[in-house]
N, C-alpha and C. Protein backbone atom coordinates (compact mmCIF):
# COMPACT_ATOMS: atom_id res chain seq x y z
N MET A 1 37.98 -41.92 -131.67
CA MET A 1 39.24 -41.87 -132.38
C MET A 1 40.33 -42.55 -131.54
N LYS A 2 41.15 -43.36 -132.18
CA LYS A 2 42.21 -44.09 -131.48
C LYS A 2 43.32 -43.13 -131.06
N LYS A 3 43.80 -43.32 -129.84
CA LYS A 3 44.87 -42.47 -129.32
C LYS A 3 46.21 -42.94 -129.85
N SER A 4 47.11 -41.98 -130.09
CA SER A 4 48.47 -42.33 -130.51
C SER A 4 49.25 -42.86 -129.30
N LYS A 5 50.36 -43.50 -129.57
CA LYS A 5 51.20 -44.03 -128.49
C LYS A 5 51.67 -42.89 -127.59
N ASP A 6 52.05 -41.75 -128.17
CA ASP A 6 52.51 -40.62 -127.37
C ASP A 6 51.40 -40.07 -126.48
N GLU A 7 50.18 -40.02 -126.99
CA GLU A 7 49.05 -39.56 -126.17
C GLU A 7 48.81 -40.49 -124.98
N ILE A 8 48.93 -41.79 -125.22
CA ILE A 8 48.74 -42.77 -124.16
C ILE A 8 49.85 -42.62 -123.11
N ILE A 9 51.08 -42.39 -123.56
CA ILE A 9 52.21 -42.21 -122.64
C ILE A 9 51.99 -40.98 -121.76
N VAL A 10 51.60 -39.85 -122.36
CA VAL A 10 51.36 -38.62 -121.60
C VAL A 10 50.24 -38.84 -120.58
N GLU A 11 49.15 -39.44 -121.02
CA GLU A 11 48.01 -39.70 -120.13
C GLU A 11 48.42 -40.59 -118.96
N THR A 12 49.18 -41.65 -119.24
CA THR A 12 49.63 -42.57 -118.20
C THR A 12 50.55 -41.86 -117.21
N MET A 13 51.47 -41.03 -117.71
CA MET A 13 52.41 -40.33 -116.85
C MET A 13 51.70 -39.33 -115.93
N LEU A 14 50.72 -38.63 -116.47
CA LEU A 14 49.98 -37.66 -115.64
C LEU A 14 49.12 -38.39 -114.61
N ASN A 15 48.48 -39.47 -115.00
CA ASN A 15 47.68 -40.25 -114.04
C ASN A 15 48.55 -40.77 -112.90
N LYS A 16 49.76 -41.25 -113.24
CA LYS A 16 50.67 -41.76 -112.22
C LYS A 16 51.13 -40.63 -111.30
N MET A 17 51.35 -39.45 -111.84
CA MET A 17 51.76 -38.30 -111.04
C MET A 17 50.69 -37.99 -109.99
N PHE A 18 49.43 -37.91 -110.41
CA PHE A 18 48.34 -37.64 -109.47
C PHE A 18 48.23 -38.76 -108.44
N GLU A 19 48.41 -40.00 -108.87
CA GLU A 19 48.33 -41.15 -107.96
C GLU A 19 49.42 -41.07 -106.89
N ILE A 20 50.66 -40.85 -107.30
CA ILE A 20 51.77 -40.76 -106.36
C ILE A 20 51.59 -39.58 -105.40
N ALA A 21 51.07 -38.47 -105.92
CA ALA A 21 50.87 -37.28 -105.10
C ALA A 21 49.66 -37.40 -104.18
N GLY A 22 48.85 -38.45 -104.37
CA GLY A 22 47.71 -38.69 -103.49
C GLY A 22 46.49 -37.84 -103.80
N HIS A 23 46.35 -37.42 -105.06
CA HIS A 23 45.19 -36.62 -105.47
C HIS A 23 44.22 -37.49 -106.25
N ASN A 24 42.94 -37.31 -105.99
CA ASN A 24 41.91 -38.07 -106.68
C ASN A 24 41.54 -37.36 -107.98
N VAL A 25 42.52 -37.26 -108.88
CA VAL A 25 42.36 -36.55 -110.15
C VAL A 25 42.94 -37.45 -111.23
N THR A 26 42.38 -37.36 -112.43
CA THR A 26 42.92 -38.12 -113.56
C THR A 26 43.12 -37.20 -114.75
N PHE A 27 43.73 -37.73 -115.78
CA PHE A 27 43.95 -36.99 -117.02
C PHE A 27 42.63 -36.44 -117.56
N GLU A 28 41.58 -37.25 -117.45
CA GLU A 28 40.27 -36.82 -117.97
C GLU A 28 39.78 -35.53 -117.30
N ASP A 29 40.15 -35.33 -116.02
CA ASP A 29 39.73 -34.14 -115.28
C ASP A 29 40.42 -32.87 -115.78
N ILE A 30 41.62 -33.00 -116.33
CA ILE A 30 42.38 -31.81 -116.74
C ILE A 30 42.48 -31.66 -118.26
N LYS A 31 42.03 -32.68 -118.99
CA LYS A 31 42.11 -32.66 -120.45
C LYS A 31 41.40 -31.43 -121.01
N GLY A 32 42.08 -30.71 -121.87
CA GLY A 32 41.49 -29.54 -122.52
C GLY A 32 41.63 -28.24 -121.74
N ARG A 33 42.10 -28.32 -120.51
CA ARG A 33 42.27 -27.09 -119.72
C ARG A 33 43.47 -26.32 -120.24
N THR A 34 43.33 -25.01 -120.35
CA THR A 34 44.43 -24.17 -120.84
C THR A 34 45.00 -23.28 -119.74
N ASP A 35 44.47 -23.41 -118.53
CA ASP A 35 45.00 -22.64 -117.41
C ASP A 35 46.21 -23.37 -116.80
N ASN A 36 46.77 -22.83 -115.76
CA ASN A 36 47.90 -23.46 -115.07
C ASN A 36 47.39 -24.49 -114.07
N TRP A 37 46.74 -25.54 -114.57
CA TRP A 37 46.13 -26.56 -113.71
C TRP A 37 47.14 -27.21 -112.78
N TYR A 38 48.40 -27.32 -113.22
CA TYR A 38 49.43 -27.99 -112.42
C TYR A 38 49.80 -27.19 -111.17
N GLN A 39 49.37 -25.93 -111.08
CA GLN A 39 49.59 -25.12 -109.88
C GLN A 39 48.49 -25.35 -108.84
N GLN A 40 47.43 -26.02 -109.25
CA GLN A 40 46.26 -26.22 -108.39
C GLN A 40 46.51 -27.30 -107.33
N TRP A 41 47.41 -28.24 -107.62
CA TRP A 41 47.71 -29.34 -106.69
C TRP A 41 49.20 -29.32 -106.38
N THR A 42 49.58 -29.94 -105.28
CA THR A 42 50.99 -29.99 -104.91
C THR A 42 51.43 -31.43 -104.66
N MET A 43 52.73 -31.60 -104.62
CA MET A 43 53.33 -32.87 -104.23
C MET A 43 54.60 -32.56 -103.44
N THR A 44 55.03 -33.50 -102.63
CA THR A 44 56.26 -33.30 -101.86
C THR A 44 57.47 -33.58 -102.75
N GLU A 45 58.64 -33.19 -102.28
CA GLU A 45 59.87 -33.48 -103.02
C GLU A 45 60.06 -34.99 -103.16
N GLU A 46 59.72 -35.74 -102.10
CA GLU A 46 59.85 -37.19 -102.15
C GLU A 46 58.92 -37.80 -103.20
N GLN A 47 57.68 -37.30 -103.26
CA GLN A 47 56.72 -37.79 -104.26
C GLN A 47 57.21 -37.44 -105.67
N ASN A 48 57.77 -36.25 -105.84
CA ASN A 48 58.28 -35.84 -107.14
C ASN A 48 59.42 -36.75 -107.57
N LYS A 49 60.31 -37.06 -106.63
CA LYS A 49 61.45 -37.94 -106.93
C LYS A 49 60.94 -39.33 -107.33
N GLU A 50 59.96 -39.85 -106.58
CA GLU A 50 59.39 -41.16 -106.90
C GLU A 50 58.77 -41.15 -108.30
N TRP A 51 58.02 -40.08 -108.63
CA TRP A 51 57.38 -39.98 -109.94
C TRP A 51 58.41 -39.87 -111.05
N ARG A 52 59.46 -39.08 -110.83
CA ARG A 52 60.49 -38.93 -111.86
C ARG A 52 61.23 -40.24 -112.09
N GLU A 53 61.50 -40.99 -111.03
CA GLU A 53 62.16 -42.29 -111.19
C GLU A 53 61.25 -43.26 -111.94
N TRP A 54 59.97 -43.28 -111.56
CA TRP A 54 59.01 -44.15 -112.25
C TRP A 54 58.92 -43.75 -113.72
N GLY A 55 58.80 -42.44 -113.98
CA GLY A 55 58.65 -41.94 -115.34
C GLY A 55 59.85 -42.22 -116.22
N THR A 56 61.04 -42.14 -115.65
CA THR A 56 62.25 -42.44 -116.42
C THR A 56 62.24 -43.89 -116.87
N LYS A 57 61.90 -44.80 -115.95
CA LYS A 57 61.83 -46.23 -116.30
C LYS A 57 60.72 -46.47 -117.33
N TYR A 58 59.59 -45.81 -117.13
CA TYR A 58 58.46 -45.97 -118.05
C TYR A 58 58.82 -45.49 -119.46
N LEU A 59 59.42 -44.30 -119.55
CA LEU A 59 59.81 -43.77 -120.87
C LEU A 59 60.87 -44.65 -121.52
N LYS A 60 61.81 -45.12 -120.73
CA LYS A 60 62.88 -45.98 -121.25
C LYS A 60 62.27 -47.23 -121.90
N LYS A 61 61.30 -47.81 -121.22
CA LYS A 61 60.67 -49.04 -121.72
C LYS A 61 59.75 -48.75 -122.91
N GLN A 62 58.88 -47.74 -122.79
CA GLN A 62 57.89 -47.46 -123.83
C GLN A 62 58.49 -46.92 -125.11
N LYS A 63 59.53 -46.08 -124.98
CA LYS A 63 60.11 -45.44 -126.16
C LYS A 63 61.47 -46.02 -126.54
N HIS A 64 61.90 -47.05 -125.80
CA HIS A 64 63.17 -47.72 -126.08
C HIS A 64 64.32 -46.72 -126.10
N LEU A 65 64.45 -45.97 -124.99
CA LEU A 65 65.46 -44.94 -124.87
C LEU A 65 66.58 -45.38 -123.95
N LEU A 66 67.74 -44.76 -124.11
CA LEU A 66 68.80 -44.92 -123.12
C LEU A 66 68.33 -44.24 -121.84
N LYS A 67 68.81 -44.75 -120.70
CA LYS A 67 68.38 -44.20 -119.41
C LYS A 67 68.65 -42.70 -119.30
N SER A 68 69.81 -42.25 -119.77
CA SER A 68 70.15 -40.83 -119.66
C SER A 68 69.19 -39.96 -120.47
N TYR A 69 68.79 -40.45 -121.66
CA TYR A 69 67.87 -39.67 -122.49
C TYR A 69 66.46 -39.70 -121.90
N ALA A 70 66.05 -40.85 -121.38
CA ALA A 70 64.73 -40.96 -120.74
C ALA A 70 64.67 -40.04 -119.53
N SER A 71 65.76 -39.97 -118.77
CA SER A 71 65.82 -39.10 -117.60
C SER A 71 65.69 -37.63 -117.99
N ARG A 72 66.35 -37.25 -119.08
CA ARG A 72 66.24 -35.86 -119.58
C ARG A 72 64.82 -35.55 -120.04
N GLN A 73 64.21 -36.49 -120.75
CA GLN A 73 62.83 -36.28 -121.21
C GLN A 73 61.88 -36.15 -120.02
N MET A 74 62.12 -36.95 -119.00
CA MET A 74 61.28 -36.89 -117.80
C MET A 74 61.45 -35.56 -117.09
N ALA A 75 62.67 -35.07 -117.03
CA ALA A 75 62.94 -33.77 -116.40
C ALA A 75 62.19 -32.65 -117.13
N MET A 76 62.18 -32.71 -118.45
CA MET A 76 61.45 -31.70 -119.25
C MET A 76 59.95 -31.83 -119.04
N PHE A 77 59.46 -33.05 -118.98
CA PHE A 77 58.03 -33.29 -118.75
C PHE A 77 57.63 -32.74 -117.38
N ASP A 78 58.48 -33.00 -116.38
CA ASP A 78 58.23 -32.51 -115.03
C ASP A 78 58.22 -30.98 -115.00
N MET A 79 59.16 -30.38 -115.71
CA MET A 79 59.23 -28.92 -115.74
C MET A 79 57.97 -28.31 -116.36
N ASN A 80 57.44 -28.97 -117.37
CA ASN A 80 56.26 -28.45 -118.06
C ASN A 80 54.93 -28.81 -117.40
N TYR A 81 54.84 -30.00 -116.82
CA TYR A 81 53.55 -30.48 -116.32
C TYR A 81 53.55 -30.95 -114.87
N GLY A 82 54.71 -30.98 -114.24
CA GLY A 82 54.79 -31.47 -112.87
C GLY A 82 54.06 -30.56 -111.89
N LEU A 83 53.53 -31.16 -110.85
CA LEU A 83 52.81 -30.39 -109.84
C LEU A 83 53.79 -29.54 -109.04
N LYS A 84 53.25 -28.47 -108.46
CA LYS A 84 54.04 -27.58 -107.63
C LYS A 84 54.57 -28.36 -106.43
N ILE A 85 55.84 -28.12 -106.08
CA ILE A 85 56.46 -28.82 -104.95
C ILE A 85 56.14 -28.06 -103.66
N GLU A 86 55.64 -28.81 -102.69
CA GLU A 86 55.35 -28.22 -101.38
C GLU A 86 56.46 -28.69 -100.45
N THR A 87 57.37 -27.80 -100.11
CA THR A 87 58.58 -28.18 -99.38
C THR A 87 58.34 -28.36 -97.88
N ASN A 88 57.41 -27.65 -97.29
CA ASN A 88 57.26 -27.71 -95.84
C ASN A 88 56.11 -28.60 -95.38
N LYS A 89 55.67 -29.48 -96.24
CA LYS A 89 54.55 -30.37 -95.90
C LYS A 89 55.05 -31.49 -94.99
N THR A 90 54.36 -31.69 -93.89
CA THR A 90 54.72 -32.79 -93.00
C THR A 90 53.67 -33.89 -93.12
N ILE A 91 54.15 -35.12 -93.03
CA ILE A 91 53.25 -36.26 -93.21
C ILE A 91 52.82 -36.80 -91.86
């Protein structure tokens, strides 16, 4: 079955989140899970900021949104699906 544009956007955003956070996980690994899978992995505040900036630009382009609206949508997406922030992680 062909994926909708929104499904492709969600899949791409989650894959990019795992990539930026340095986890060898993809959308396919978490698809269909109903547990709190996003608590299983962490990302740093810097990685979260990078992902949110990337996601805002991506949403703006894919959905033809104003930057402020894309930023708000990204913030909501992060709140719902973003990985847990690990504040004391040293690189």
